[in-house]
Amino acid sequence: MHWEVLNVRGLGDRGIAHIRMDGTLGEISLDLTVWLAARLSEGRVTWWSWYRTEQEALEAVGLRE
């Protein structure tokens, strides 16, 4: 698998990252773009989740476009 971070943005203790993944997992070829939403506390990630759209990721951490 190859991971490429396309963009990262955030505000305070919340942020999102736009990530592209491609490669082979077992016999399955993957090429997808996902959004990661995360919350931080004292410089550490305390929660994170994957989303299919930017809007979903923004809403998960309470940010707007």
N, C-alpha and C. Protein backbone atom coordinates (compact mmCIF):
# COMPACT_ATOMS: atom_id res chain seq x y z
N MET A 1 0.84 -1.19 0.00
CA MET A 1 0.00 0.00 0.00
C MET A 1 0.88 1.24 0.00
N HIS A 2 0.45 2.24 -0.71
CA HIS A 2 1.11 3.54 -0.76
C HIS A 2 0.11 4.58 -0.28
N TRP A 3 0.52 5.40 0.68
CA TRP A 3 -0.34 6.45 1.24
C TRP A 3 0.25 7.80 0.86
N GLU A 4 -0.59 8.70 0.42
CA GLU A 4 -0.15 10.06 0.10
C GLU A 4 -1.10 11.06 0.76
N VAL A 5 -0.53 11.93 1.58
CA VAL A 5 -1.33 12.97 2.22
C VAL A 5 -1.44 14.13 1.23
N LEU A 6 -2.65 14.43 0.80
CA LEU A 6 -2.88 15.46 -0.19
C LEU A 6 -3.06 16.84 0.42
N ASN A 7 -3.67 16.89 1.61
CA ASN A 7 -3.93 18.17 2.25
C ASN A 7 -4.27 17.92 3.72
N VAL A 8 -3.87 18.85 4.57
CA VAL A 8 -4.20 18.79 6.00
C VAL A 8 -4.63 20.19 6.42
N ARG A 9 -5.69 20.25 7.21
CA ARG A 9 -6.10 21.54 7.75
C ARG A 9 -6.85 21.33 9.06
N GLY A 10 -6.84 22.36 9.87
CA GLY A 10 -7.51 22.23 11.14
C GLY A 10 -7.60 23.54 11.88
N LEU A 11 -8.16 23.46 13.08
CA LEU A 11 -8.33 24.63 13.92
C LEU A 11 -8.26 24.15 15.37
N GLY A 12 -7.29 24.66 16.11
CA GLY A 12 -7.16 24.27 17.51
C GLY A 12 -6.87 22.79 17.66
N ASP A 13 -7.77 22.09 18.33
CA ASP A 13 -7.56 20.67 18.62
C ASP A 13 -8.28 19.73 17.66
N ARG A 14 -8.74 20.26 16.51
CA ARG A 14 -9.50 19.46 15.54
C ARG A 14 -8.91 19.63 14.15
N GLY A 15 -8.95 18.57 13.35
CA GLY A 15 -8.44 18.69 12.00
C GLY A 15 -8.89 17.57 11.10
N ILE A 16 -8.65 17.77 9.80
CA ILE A 16 -8.94 16.75 8.80
C ILE A 16 -7.75 16.62 7.86
N ALA A 17 -7.61 15.44 7.27
CA ALA A 17 -6.56 15.19 6.28
C ALA A 17 -7.19 14.49 5.09
N HIS A 18 -6.80 14.90 3.89
CA HIS A 18 -7.26 14.29 2.64
C HIS A 18 -6.16 13.31 2.24
N ILE A 19 -6.50 12.03 2.11
CA ILE A 19 -5.49 11.00 1.90
C ILE A 19 -5.85 10.13 0.70
N ARG A 20 -4.84 9.83 -0.11
CA ARG A 20 -5.02 8.92 -1.25
C ARG A 20 -4.26 7.64 -0.95
N MET A 21 -4.91 6.50 -1.17
CA MET A 21 -4.28 5.21 -0.95
C MET A 21 -4.37 4.39 -2.23
N ASP A 22 -3.26 3.72 -2.58
CA ASP A 22 -3.31 2.80 -3.71
C ASP A 22 -2.34 1.66 -3.45
N GLY A 23 -2.65 0.55 -4.06
CA GLY A 23 -1.83 -0.64 -3.89
C GLY A 23 -2.69 -1.88 -3.96
N THR A 24 -2.14 -2.97 -3.47
CA THR A 24 -2.83 -4.24 -3.49
C THR A 24 -2.92 -4.78 -2.07
N LEU A 25 -4.11 -5.18 -1.72
CA LEU A 25 -4.37 -5.78 -0.41
C LEU A 25 -4.86 -7.20 -0.69
N GLY A 26 -3.99 -8.18 -0.45
CA GLY A 26 -4.32 -9.53 -0.88
C GLY A 26 -4.33 -9.55 -2.39
N GLU A 27 -5.43 -9.96 -2.97
CA GLU A 27 -5.57 -9.95 -4.42
C GLU A 27 -6.44 -8.81 -4.92
N ILE A 28 -6.75 -7.87 -4.02
CA ILE A 28 -7.64 -6.75 -4.36
C ILE A 28 -6.81 -5.49 -4.61
N SER A 29 -6.98 -4.88 -5.78
CA SER A 29 -6.32 -3.62 -6.10
C SER A 29 -7.16 -2.47 -5.55
N LEU A 30 -6.50 -1.55 -4.87
CA LEU A 30 -7.19 -0.39 -4.31
C LEU A 30 -6.63 0.89 -4.88
N ASP A 31 -7.50 1.84 -5.11
CA ASP A 31 -7.12 3.20 -5.49
C ASP A 31 -8.26 4.09 -5.02
N LEU A 32 -8.10 4.67 -3.84
CA LEU A 32 -9.19 5.47 -3.29
C LEU A 32 -8.68 6.70 -2.57
N THR A 33 -9.57 7.64 -2.44
CA THR A 33 -9.30 8.88 -1.72
C THR A 33 -10.28 8.95 -0.56
N VAL A 34 -9.76 9.21 0.63
CA VAL A 34 -10.59 9.27 1.84
C VAL A 34 -10.22 10.50 2.65
N TRP A 35 -11.05 10.77 3.63
CA TRP A 35 -10.82 11.87 4.55
C TRP A 35 -10.67 11.31 5.95
N LEU A 36 -9.69 11.79 6.69
CA LEU A 36 -9.47 11.40 8.07
C LEU A 36 -9.79 12.60 8.95
N ALA A 37 -10.66 12.42 9.93
CA ALA A 37 -10.98 13.47 10.89
C ALA A 37 -10.33 13.08 12.22
N ALA A 38 -9.79 14.06 12.95
CA ALA A 38 -9.11 13.75 14.21
C ALA A 38 -9.29 14.87 15.23
N ARG A 39 -9.26 14.46 16.50
CA ARG A 39 -9.25 15.40 17.62
C ARG A 39 -7.99 15.14 18.43
N LEU A 40 -7.43 16.23 18.96
CA LEU A 40 -6.18 16.14 19.72
C LEU A 40 -6.37 16.66 21.14
N SER A 41 -5.51 16.19 22.02
CA SER A 41 -5.45 16.70 23.38
C SER A 41 -4.01 16.62 23.83
N GLU A 42 -3.46 17.73 24.25
CA GLU A 42 -2.08 17.81 24.70
C GLU A 42 -1.10 17.24 23.66
N GLY A 43 -1.37 17.56 22.39
CA GLY A 43 -0.48 17.16 21.31
C GLY A 43 -0.61 15.71 20.86
N ARG A 44 -1.61 15.00 21.37
CA ARG A 44 -1.80 13.60 20.98
C ARG A 44 -3.18 13.39 20.39
N VAL A 45 -3.25 12.47 19.43
CA VAL A 45 -4.55 12.13 18.84
C VAL A 45 -5.35 11.34 19.87
N THR A 46 -6.55 11.82 20.19
CA THR A 46 -7.41 11.14 21.15
C THR A 46 -8.58 10.45 20.48
N TRP A 47 -8.87 10.83 19.23
CA TRP A 47 -9.97 10.22 18.47
C TRP A 47 -9.71 10.46 17.00
N TRP A 48 -10.03 9.47 16.16
CA TRP A 48 -9.95 9.64 14.71
C TRP A 48 -10.91 8.68 14.04
N SER A 49 -11.33 9.05 12.81
CA SER A 49 -12.23 8.22 12.04
C SER A 49 -12.10 8.56 10.56
N TRP A 50 -12.35 7.58 9.70
CA TRP A 50 -12.30 7.76 8.25
C TRP A 50 -13.66 8.16 7.71
N TYR A 51 -13.66 8.98 6.65
CA TYR A 51 -14.91 9.41 6.01
C TYR A 51 -14.74 9.41 4.50
N ARG A 52 -15.85 9.26 3.81
CA ARG A 52 -15.82 9.22 2.35
C ARG A 52 -15.82 10.61 1.72
N THR A 53 -16.33 11.61 2.44
CA THR A 53 -16.38 12.97 1.89
C THR A 53 -15.76 13.97 2.85
N GLU A 54 -15.32 15.08 2.29
CA GLU A 54 -14.77 16.17 3.09
C GLU A 54 -15.83 16.71 4.06
N GLN A 55 -17.04 16.87 3.57
CA GLN A 55 -18.12 17.41 4.39
C GLN A 55 -18.38 16.54 5.62
N GLU A 56 -18.40 15.22 5.43
CA GLU A 56 -18.59 14.31 6.56
C GLU A 56 -17.48 14.46 7.60
N ALA A 57 -16.24 14.58 7.13
CA ALA A 57 -15.10 14.73 8.03
C ALA A 57 -15.18 16.05 8.79
N LEU A 58 -15.51 17.12 8.08
CA LEU A 58 -15.65 18.43 8.73
C LEU A 58 -16.73 18.40 9.81
N GLU A 59 -17.87 17.83 9.49
CA GLU A 59 -18.97 17.75 10.46
C GLU A 59 -18.58 16.91 11.68
N ALA A 60 -17.80 15.86 11.47
CA ALA A 60 -17.41 14.98 12.58
C ALA A 60 -16.59 15.70 13.63
N VAL A 61 -15.82 16.71 13.21
CA VAL A 61 -14.99 17.45 14.17
C VAL A 61 -15.52 18.87 14.43
N GLY A 62 -16.71 19.15 13.90
CA GLY A 62 -17.33 20.44 14.17
C GLY A 62 -16.71 21.61 13.45
N LEU A 63 -16.16 21.38 12.25
CA LEU A 63 -15.58 22.46 11.45
C LEU A 63 -16.46 22.73 10.24
N ARG A 64 -16.29 23.90 9.66
CA ARG A 64 -17.00 24.27 8.43
C ARG A 64 -16.01 24.45 7.32
N GLU A 65 -16.50 24.41 6.06
CA GLU A 65 -15.63 24.64 4.91
C GLU A 65 -15.08 26.02 4.90
